[in-house]
Amino acid sequence: MPFAVRAGGVRGRSPRSRPPERGPDAALPRGARPPPRALVSFIPRPPPPPASPPPQVKQYTLTLPAAKRGCHLVTRYIKEVAGAGIKRCTAGTAHVFIQHTSASLTLNENADPDVRVDMETFLNLAVPEGRAAPWVHTDEGDDDMPAHCKASLLGASVTVPVTRGALALGTWQGVWLCEHRDRGTPRSLVVTLTGEFDAGG
């Protein structure tokens, strides 16, 4: 005979009794011991490391005397003007920028002057000059547009690391001013030191 299903169980059978569910906060029977609780250990976070001081910035300007066309070593002029800041810089950079479009800066040989002569020869061979050259901008003479081209080839700035109070140049490295006009004029430079300085800096 099939059993008729109804709420609360099945006819002919008594529903199996189940113990009431207990939540974690339900009252325990008298004499019962509570289950062990998980032990949570709180480990204090270590304090954050001290923040590094922000880098300091010092800036200098200098004007180089007019120079003849060609490449000229100017490292000593930079040291003379920015030397006090360089000596107090423990780690950083020196950025040297020229404020002109017909002269440039580069890093190269500091010992043999023949290298500077050969560099001028290379630039003159790389950039044509004279009436036969294809330039349109010749307002200031045949050397006008070639000077702009050479300035863009070499660039308007150099960056040199500063380490323990000195420019970290290689043994044979120096900063060059490359004058690309036949009649050079005084050239203005901006030297920016960025880095960490000692207490007296």
Protein backbone atom coordinates (compact mmCIF):
# COMPACT_ATOMS: atom_id res chain seq x y z
CA MET A 1 0.00 0.00 0.00
CA PRO A 2 1.58 3.34 -0.98
CA PHE A 3 2.16 5.90 1.66
CA ALA A 4 0.43 9.26 1.49
CA VAL A 5 2.83 12.15 1.94
CA ARG A 6 1.78 15.00 4.12
CA ALA A 7 3.41 17.80 5.96
CA GLY A 8 5.29 16.65 8.99
CA GLY A 9 6.14 13.18 7.75
CA VAL A 10 4.80 10.07 6.10
CA ARG A 11 1.56 8.36 7.15
CA GLY A 12 2.29 5.21 9.02
CA ARG A 13 5.77 6.38 10.12
CA SER A 14 6.73 8.81 12.80
CA PRO A 15 9.29 11.39 11.69
CA ARG A 16 12.75 10.81 13.03
CA SER A 17 13.47 13.36 15.71
CA ARG A 18 16.57 15.53 15.33
CA PRO A 19 18.30 17.48 18.07
CA PRO A 20 17.81 21.20 17.82
CA GLU A 21 20.64 23.06 16.06
CA ARG A 22 22.80 25.11 18.35
CA GLY A 23 24.46 28.33 17.38
CA PRO A 24 27.78 29.38 18.85
CA ASP A 25 25.98 31.43 21.49
CA ALA A 26 23.30 28.87 22.40
CA ALA A 27 23.06 27.89 26.07
CA LEU A 28 24.95 24.71 26.90
CA PRO A 29 23.39 21.90 29.00
CA ARG A 30 24.31 21.99 32.65
CA GLY A 31 27.76 20.54 33.24
CA ALA A 32 28.75 20.57 29.53
CA ARG A 33 32.11 22.05 28.66
CA PRO A 34 32.25 24.61 25.86
CA PRO A 35 34.25 23.65 22.75
CA PRO A 36 37.71 25.17 22.52
CA ARG A 37 37.85 28.46 20.66
CA ALA A 38 40.45 29.17 18.04
CA LEU A 39 43.29 31.21 19.43
CA VAL A 40 43.96 34.38 17.41
CA SER A 41 47.33 35.97 17.91
CA PHE A 42 47.69 39.63 17.02
CA ILE A 43 51.14 40.44 15.65
CA PRO A 44 51.79 44.17 15.67
CA ARG A 45 52.82 45.60 12.33
CA PRO A 46 56.36 46.94 12.19
CA PRO A 47 56.59 50.71 11.89
CA PRO A 48 57.02 51.99 8.31
CA PRO A 49 60.59 52.80 7.28
CA PRO A 50 61.54 56.45 7.54
CA ALA A 51 60.76 58.36 4.38
CA SER A 52 63.74 59.41 2.28
CA PRO A 53 64.20 63.15 2.10
CA PRO A 54 63.08 64.60 -1.22
CA PRO A 55 65.90 65.44 -3.62
CA GLN A 56 67.20 68.98 -3.51
CA VAL A 57 67.71 71.15 -6.58
CA LYS A 58 70.34 73.83 -7.11
CA GLN A 59 70.70 75.84 -10.29
CA TYR A 60 73.48 77.95 -11.74
CA THR A 61 73.91 80.01 -14.90
CA LEU A 62 77.09 80.91 -16.72
CA THR A 63 78.04 82.69 -19.90
CA LEU A 64 80.90 81.30 -21.94
CA PRO A 65 83.01 83.80 -23.87
CA ALA A 66 82.66 83.94 -27.65
CA ALA A 67 84.61 81.13 -29.29
CA LYS A 68 85.69 80.44 -32.83
CA ARG A 69 83.92 77.85 -34.91
CA GLY A 70 84.76 74.34 -33.71
CA CYS A 71 84.63 72.15 -30.59
CA HIS A 72 85.88 73.45 -27.25
CA LEU A 73 86.41 71.74 -23.90
CA VAL A 74 84.40 73.63 -21.24
CA THR A 75 84.31 71.26 -18.25
CA ARG A 76 86.39 73.62 -16.11
CA TYR A 77 83.95 76.50 -16.60
CA ILE A 78 81.11 74.34 -15.32
CA LYS A 79 83.15 73.30 -12.29
CA GLU A 80 84.08 76.91 -11.55
CA VAL A 81 80.48 78.11 -11.49
CA ALA A 82 78.71 75.07 -9.97
CA GLY A 83 81.65 73.71 -7.99
CA ALA A 84 80.33 74.63 -4.55
CA GLY A 85 77.10 72.70 -5.14
CA ILE A 86 78.87 69.78 -6.79
CA LYS A 87 81.22 69.36 -3.82
CA ARG A 88 78.27 69.13 -1.40
CA CYS A 89 76.28 66.68 -3.56
CA THR A 90 76.72 63.13 -2.29
CA ALA A 91 74.69 61.51 -5.10
CA GLY A 92 72.79 63.09 -7.96
CA THR A 93 73.05 64.48 -11.47
CA ALA A 94 74.28 67.62 -13.17
CA HIS A 95 72.20 68.65 -16.17
CA VAL A 96 73.88 71.19 -18.45
CA PHE A 97 71.70 73.01 -21.01
CA ILE A 98 72.68 75.52 -23.70
CA GLN A 99 70.17 78.26 -24.50
CA HIS A 100 70.98 78.56 -28.20
CA THR A 101 70.06 76.95 -31.53
CA SER A 102 73.33 77.35 -33.42
CA ALA A 103 75.66 75.77 -30.86
CA SER A 104 75.50 72.48 -29.00
CA LEU A 105 76.87 70.41 -26.15
CA THR A 106 78.28 66.89 -26.14
CA LEU A 107 80.50 64.58 -24.09
CA ASN A 108 83.71 63.38 -25.67
CA GLU A 109 87.51 63.16 -25.52
CA ASN A 110 89.17 65.49 -23.01
CA ALA A 111 92.85 64.85 -23.73
CA ASP A 112 93.86 64.88 -27.40
CA PRO A 113 92.77 68.12 -29.13
CA ASP A 114 92.98 66.37 -32.50
CA VAL A 115 89.68 64.64 -31.65
CA ARG A 116 87.96 68.02 -31.55
CA VAL A 117 89.51 68.97 -34.89
CA ASP A 118 88.32 65.71 -36.43
CA MET A 119 84.82 66.18 -35.03
CA GLU A 120 84.57 69.57 -36.72
CA THR A 121 85.72 67.94 -39.96
CA PHE A 122 83.03 65.27 -39.63
CA LEU A 123 80.29 67.84 -38.99
CA ASN A 124 81.33 69.89 -42.03
CA LEU A 125 81.27 66.79 -44.22
CA ALA A 126 77.93 65.62 -42.82
CA VAL A 127 76.12 68.94 -43.33
CA PRO A 128 76.65 70.70 -46.70
CA GLU A 129 77.33 74.41 -46.70
CA GLY A 130 77.68 77.13 -49.29
CA ARG A 131 75.71 78.44 -52.24
CA ALA A 132 75.23 74.95 -53.67
CA ALA A 133 73.59 73.66 -50.46
CA PRO A 134 69.81 73.13 -50.64
CA TRP A 135 68.95 75.40 -47.69
CA VAL A 136 66.16 77.99 -47.72
CA HIS A 137 66.92 79.59 -44.34
CA THR A 138 70.03 81.67 -45.12
CA ASP A 139 69.08 84.96 -43.46
CA GLU A 140 72.36 85.21 -41.56
CA GLY A 141 74.71 83.72 -44.12
CA ASP A 142 75.73 80.40 -45.60
CA ASP A 143 76.57 79.00 -42.16
CA ASP A 144 73.10 79.81 -40.75
CA MET A 145 71.07 76.69 -41.52
CA PRO A 146 74.06 74.31 -41.26
CA ALA A 147 74.56 75.57 -37.70
CA HIS A 148 70.97 74.67 -36.82
CA CYS A 149 71.37 71.19 -38.35
CA LYS A 150 74.57 70.51 -36.41
CA ALA A 151 73.01 71.75 -33.17
CA SER A 152 70.19 69.24 -33.56
CA LEU A 153 72.61 66.43 -34.43
CA LEU A 154 74.58 66.85 -31.19
CA GLY A 155 71.86 68.19 -28.89
CA ALA A 156 71.30 71.04 -26.46
CA SER A 157 72.16 69.29 -23.19
CA VAL A 158 74.25 66.69 -21.40
CA THR A 159 73.66 64.95 -18.07
CA VAL A 160 76.55 63.86 -15.86
CA PRO A 161 76.26 61.81 -12.64
CA VAL A 162 77.57 63.41 -9.45
CA THR A 163 79.12 61.03 -6.94
CA ARG A 164 80.60 61.96 -3.57
CA GLY A 165 81.14 65.59 -4.48
CA ALA A 166 82.56 65.22 -7.99
CA LEU A 167 81.38 64.91 -11.57
CA ALA A 168 81.51 61.17 -12.31
CA LEU A 169 83.08 61.59 -15.73
CA GLY A 170 85.19 58.86 -17.25
CA THR A 171 88.94 59.30 -17.38
CA TRP A 172 88.87 60.60 -20.94
CA GLN A 173 85.50 62.37 -20.89
CA GLY A 174 84.84 66.09 -20.95
CA VAL A 175 82.01 68.46 -21.78
CA TRP A 176 82.33 70.15 -25.16
CA LEU A 177 80.80 73.35 -26.44
CA CYS A 178 80.44 73.00 -30.20
CA GLU A 179 80.27 76.39 -31.89
CA HIS A 180 78.70 76.08 -35.33
CA ARG A 181 78.79 79.70 -36.50
CA ASP A 182 81.70 81.31 -38.29
CA ARG A 183 81.56 84.21 -35.83
CA GLY A 184 80.56 82.82 -32.46
CA THR A 185 78.89 84.84 -29.75
CA PRO A 186 78.84 84.44 -25.95
CA ARG A 187 76.86 81.31 -25.07
CA SER A 188 74.61 80.96 -22.00
CA LEU A 189 74.42 77.69 -20.07
CA VAL A 190 72.12 76.56 -17.25
CA VAL A 191 73.50 73.94 -14.84
CA THR A 192 70.94 72.15 -12.67
CA LEU A 193 72.07 69.91 -9.81
CA THR A 194 69.51 67.42 -8.50
CA GLY A 195 70.24 64.97 -5.70
CA GLU A 196 71.20 64.54 -2.07
CA PHE A 197 73.37 67.17 -0.45
CA ASP A 198 75.23 67.10 2.84
CA ALA A 199 74.07 69.20 5.79
CA GLY A 200 76.01 72.21 4.65
CA GLY A 201 74.51 72.07 1.15
